Each structure stands twice: as structure tokens, then as C-alpha cells.
């Protein structure tokens, strides 16, 4: 019977140790998370400032949500750009903030789930704040959750496009819709493949 505490031979031990080369990648994602947090608060501060009548904050908000309108035959813009804080502008800014939050959630899943799956156990079983999905995470589950998060992000971008539908041509609207549908089908395919793999594994045991 093999001793579970038996030490690995030097070469397998070295190869297994190379998993720690991924650590700088996850640390880099943590820095990216910090950038998103900073960006979120800058946008939120400008939104509050614009709502309170701050001219520079309003200008920044309008530039952030501006969409280049098509040019008419006489050279003028087909749709006049906004020059004040409207309900649509606020909605676009809020959708942008939600987009940042969803991408941040995606980063958390990649950082924690990836570290737990590919580098080392975190031993969070007794921690009160352990994410529910982390208790049964593996490479397949992580791929499925990432696919669902990407669909959520794509939905936000598609909604922002539809709000500004008047400044987009028909080909752009159709292309973005098709891309979103492709994301949905990809997530369904990943989930179905994972289900088949799980059922096959269970039957083999």
C-alpha cells in the first residue's frame, strides 16, 4: 500500500512546484482589481458631482458616455450630443458602474478559484465568509461560472448599445446581438459538456 506521505521524486517534485509560477499572474489580477476599484470611485464621484451641478464633473460624465453619432448628408450629426445630465445619461453611467462590478466579480472568481484549483488549497472550510461556490469548485465549474459572468457583462454592454440604438447602424446592432447569442450558446455547451463528463465519471465509479 502506498504511503500518502511518501515524498515525491526530485523531478516530479520540481515539475509540481512550477505551479507557483502562476502566482505572479494572480497577484497581477489583484492589481487590476485595484485599478477597477479606483475607476469605479472616480466615475461615482463625477456622477454625484454632476448631479450637484459641478460643471467639470458633468463634462467628464458626458464625455464618458458619449457615442459618436453618424454624420448626415449635410455634414451635421444625425443625433445632437447631450449637453446636460439626463435620465439616459445617468442610466448609462450606472450601467457602466454595474459593468465594473461584474468584471470585478469575475476577477474575484478567477483569482480565488484559480488559486484554489491550480496552485494551493486555501483551507477556507471553516471560514464564515467562504464563497458557497468555492466548496465544490474545479476546472469545469470554474469555466462554467466564468462563462455565466461573461454573459452578464455582455448583457450590460448590449443594453447600453440598445439605449443608444439611434446612433448605431443596423449592422452593429445585429453583430452585437449575434455575439451575445454566441456567448449564450457557448455557456450552454460548456454546461452540457460538464454535465456529461460528471455523469460519465459517476457511472465509472
Protein backbone atom coordinates (compact mmCIF):
# COMPACT_ATOMS: atom_id res chain seq x y z
CA UNK A 1 0.00 0.00 0.00
CA UNK A 2 1.38 3.40 -0.98
CA UNK A 3 2.21 5.76 1.88
CA UNK A 4 0.24 9.01 1.32
CA UNK A 5 3.03 10.94 2.99
CA UNK A 6 5.71 9.50 0.71
CA UNK A 7 7.89 12.23 -0.76
CA UNK A 8 7.89 12.81 -4.50
CA UNK A 9 10.97 12.07 -6.50
CA UNK A 10 13.06 15.16 -7.35
CA UNK A 11 11.86 15.59 -10.95
CA UNK A 12 8.12 15.19 -10.25
CA UNK A 13 8.50 17.43 -7.18
CA UNK A 14 10.18 20.12 -9.30
CA UNK A 15 7.53 19.88 -12.02
CA UNK A 16 4.74 20.08 -9.44
CA UNK A 17 6.44 23.05 -7.79
CA UNK A 18 6.31 25.01 -11.08
CA UNK A 19 2.61 25.63 -10.41
CA UNK A 20 3.79 28.53 -8.23
CA UNK A 21 4.89 30.31 -11.41
CA UNK A 22 1.21 31.24 -11.77
CA UNK A 23 1.28 33.21 -8.52
CA UNK A 24 2.53 36.48 -10.13
CA UNK A 25 -0.34 36.23 -12.60
CA UNK A 26 -2.92 36.17 -9.82
CA UNK A 27 -1.11 38.98 -7.99
CA UNK A 28 -1.30 40.96 -11.24
CA UNK A 29 -5.06 40.36 -11.36
CA UNK A 30 -5.30 41.73 -7.82
CA UNK A 31 -3.59 44.92 -9.04
CA UNK A 32 -6.08 45.04 -11.92
CA UNK A 33 -8.84 44.74 -9.32
CA UNK A 34 -7.39 47.79 -7.54
CA UNK A 35 -7.49 49.73 -10.82
CA UNK A 36 -11.17 48.84 -11.28
CA UNK A 37 -11.96 49.96 -7.71
CA UNK A 38 -10.24 53.30 -8.36
CA UNK A 39 -12.07 53.70 -11.69
CA UNK A 40 -15.41 52.92 -10.01
CA UNK A 41 -14.97 55.61 -7.37
CA UNK A 42 -13.82 58.20 -9.92
CA UNK A 43 -16.92 57.58 -12.04
CA UNK A 44 -19.19 57.59 -8.99
CA UNK A 45 -17.66 60.83 -7.71
CA UNK A 46 -18.18 62.51 -11.08
CA UNK A 47 -21.78 61.27 -11.26
CA UNK A 48 -22.56 62.70 -7.83
CA UNK A 49 -20.72 65.92 -8.72
CA UNK A 50 -22.67 66.24 -11.99
CA UNK A 51 -25.95 65.70 -10.15
CA UNK A 52 -24.99 68.51 -7.76
CA UNK A 53 -24.20 70.88 -10.63
CA UNK A 54 -20.41 70.61 -10.89
CA UNK A 55 -19.53 71.66 -14.45
CA UNK A 56 -16.25 69.71 -14.75
CA UNK A 57 -17.87 66.52 -13.41
CA UNK A 58 -20.74 66.94 -15.85
CA UNK A 59 -18.32 67.38 -18.75
CA UNK A 60 -16.42 64.24 -17.76
CA UNK A 61 -19.64 62.23 -17.47
CA UNK A 62 -20.89 63.39 -20.87
CA UNK A 63 -17.55 62.52 -22.47
CA UNK A 64 -17.52 59.11 -20.77
CA UNK A 65 -20.94 58.08 -22.11
CA UNK A 66 -20.70 59.89 -25.45
CA UNK A 67 -21.30 57.78 -28.54
CA UNK A 68 -20.19 59.10 -31.93
CA UNK A 69 -23.32 59.72 -33.95
CA UNK A 70 -23.42 59.08 -37.70
CA UNK A 71 -22.94 62.10 -39.94
CA UNK A 72 -25.85 63.20 -42.10
CA UNK A 73 -25.59 64.16 -45.78
CA UNK A 74 -25.21 67.87 -44.94
CA UNK A 75 -22.28 67.13 -42.64
CA UNK A 76 -24.24 67.60 -39.40
CA UNK A 77 -24.61 64.95 -36.77
CA UNK A 78 -27.79 62.96 -37.17
CA UNK A 79 -28.27 62.99 -33.39
CA UNK A 80 -27.35 66.02 -31.31
CA UNK A 81 -24.94 65.22 -28.47
CA UNK A 82 -26.27 65.59 -24.92
CA UNK A 83 -25.28 68.73 -23.04
CA UNK A 84 -26.93 68.07 -19.68
CA UNK A 85 -27.46 65.29 -17.19
CA UNK A 86 -30.49 63.32 -18.38
CA UNK A 87 -32.12 60.10 -17.25
CA UNK A 88 -30.49 58.27 -20.15
CA UNK A 89 -27.07 59.65 -19.26
CA UNK A 90 -27.49 58.61 -15.62
CA UNK A 91 -28.62 55.14 -16.73
CA UNK A 92 -25.57 54.76 -18.97
CA UNK A 93 -23.23 55.78 -16.17
CA UNK A 94 -24.92 53.40 -13.71
CA UNK A 95 -24.72 50.57 -16.25
CA UNK A 96 -21.02 51.37 -16.59
CA UNK A 97 -20.64 51.08 -12.81
CA UNK A 98 -22.53 47.76 -12.82
CA UNK A 99 -20.22 46.62 -15.62
CA UNK A 100 -17.20 47.41 -13.45
CA UNK A 101 -18.72 45.49 -10.52
CA UNK A 102 -19.43 42.43 -12.68
CA UNK A 103 -15.91 42.44 -14.11
CA UNK A 104 -14.61 42.77 -10.55
CA UNK A 105 -16.69 39.74 -9.54
CA UNK A 106 -15.20 37.89 -12.50
CA UNK A 107 -11.71 38.79 -11.29
CA UNK A 108 -12.53 37.50 -7.79
CA UNK A 109 -13.71 34.18 -9.20
CA UNK A 110 -10.59 33.83 -11.35
CA UNK A 111 -8.21 34.82 -8.55
CA UNK A 112 -9.71 32.73 -5.73
CA UNK A 113 -10.98 29.82 -7.82
CA UNK A 114 -7.85 29.65 -9.95
CA UNK A 115 -5.52 29.78 -6.95
CA UNK A 116 -7.55 27.11 -5.14
CA UNK A 117 -7.72 24.88 -8.21
CA UNK A 118 -4.28 25.22 -9.75
CA UNK A 119 -1.85 26.38 -7.05
CA UNK A 120 -2.70 25.57 -3.44
CA UNK A 121 -5.57 24.95 -1.06
CA UNK A 122 -6.66 27.97 0.99
CA UNK A 123 -8.24 25.87 3.77
CA UNK A 124 -11.31 28.10 3.99
CA UNK A 125 -13.68 25.30 5.03
CA UNK A 126 -14.21 26.77 8.50
CA UNK A 127 -14.13 30.42 7.42
CA UNK A 128 -17.56 32.11 7.80
CA UNK A 129 -17.07 34.13 4.60
CA UNK A 130 -16.08 31.23 2.37
CA UNK A 131 -17.85 31.63 -1.02
CA UNK A 132 -20.51 28.96 -1.45
CA UNK A 133 -19.26 28.06 -4.93
CA UNK A 134 -15.69 27.54 -3.69
CA UNK A 135 -16.61 24.39 -1.75
CA UNK A 136 -17.17 22.42 -4.96
CA UNK A 137 -15.01 24.36 -7.40
CA UNK A 138 -12.95 22.60 -10.05
CA UNK A 139 -11.73 23.48 -13.51
CA UNK A 140 -15.08 22.64 -15.15
CA UNK A 141 -17.17 24.52 -12.59
CA UNK A 142 -14.84 27.50 -12.84
CA UNK A 143 -15.21 27.57 -16.64
CA UNK A 144 -19.00 27.47 -16.34
CA UNK A 145 -19.10 30.29 -13.80
CA UNK A 146 -16.74 32.38 -15.90
CA UNK A 147 -18.95 31.82 -18.94
CA UNK A 148 -22.01 32.97 -16.98
CA UNK A 149 -20.15 36.06 -15.76
CA UNK A 150 -19.11 36.91 -19.32
CA UNK A 151 -22.76 36.61 -20.40
CA UNK A 152 -23.74 39.07 -17.68
CA UNK A 153 -21.07 41.53 -18.82
CA UNK A 154 -22.14 41.09 -22.44
CA UNK A 155 -25.77 41.75 -21.42
CA UNK A 156 -24.78 45.07 -19.84
CA UNK A 157 -22.89 46.14 -22.97
CA UNK A 158 -25.79 45.08 -25.20
CA UNK A 159 -28.24 47.05 -23.06
CA UNK A 160 -26.02 50.13 -23.31
CA UNK A 161 -25.98 49.70 -27.08
CA UNK A 162 -29.77 49.42 -27.28
CA UNK A 163 -30.21 52.54 -25.15
CA UNK A 164 -28.11 54.38 -27.75
CA UNK A 165 -29.61 52.45 -30.67
CA UNK A 166 -30.31 55.66 -32.59
CA UNK A 167 -26.59 56.34 -33.08
CA UNK A 168 -25.66 52.82 -34.22
CA UNK A 169 -26.23 51.36 -37.65
CA UNK A 170 -28.20 48.17 -38.15
CA UNK A 171 -25.11 46.03 -38.82
CA UNK A 172 -23.58 46.97 -35.45
CA UNK A 173 -26.78 46.16 -33.56
CA UNK A 174 -27.11 42.82 -35.31
CA UNK A 175 -23.44 41.98 -34.81
CA UNK A 176 -23.53 42.69 -31.07
CA UNK A 177 -26.75 40.68 -30.69
CA UNK A 178 -25.24 37.73 -32.56
CA UNK A 179 -22.09 37.87 -30.41
CA UNK A 180 -24.22 37.83 -27.26
CA UNK A 181 -26.19 34.82 -28.55
CA UNK A 182 -22.88 33.07 -29.30
CA UNK A 183 -21.82 33.66 -25.68
CA UNK A 184 -25.12 32.13 -24.52
CA UNK A 185 -24.70 29.07 -26.74
CA UNK A 186 -21.08 28.67 -25.63
CA UNK A 187 -22.11 28.73 -21.97
CA UNK A 188 -24.83 26.14 -22.64
CA UNK A 189 -22.32 23.94 -24.48
CA UNK A 190 -19.82 24.21 -21.62
CA UNK A 191 -22.51 23.36 -19.05
CA UNK A 192 -23.79 20.43 -21.11
CA UNK A 193 -20.27 19.07 -21.64
CA UNK A 194 -19.54 19.38 -17.92
CA UNK A 195 -22.77 17.53 -17.10
CA UNK A 196 -21.91 14.68 -19.48
CA UNK A 197 -18.40 14.47 -18.04
CA UNK A 198 -19.74 14.40 -14.48
CA UNK A 199 -22.33 11.71 -15.28
CA UNK A 200 -19.71 9.60 -17.07
CA UNK A 201 -17.32 9.94 -14.13
CA UNK A 202 -20.03 8.95 -11.63
CA UNK A 203 -21.06 5.93 -13.72
CA UNK A 204 -17.45 4.76 -13.94
CA UNK A 205 -17.32 4.65 -10.15
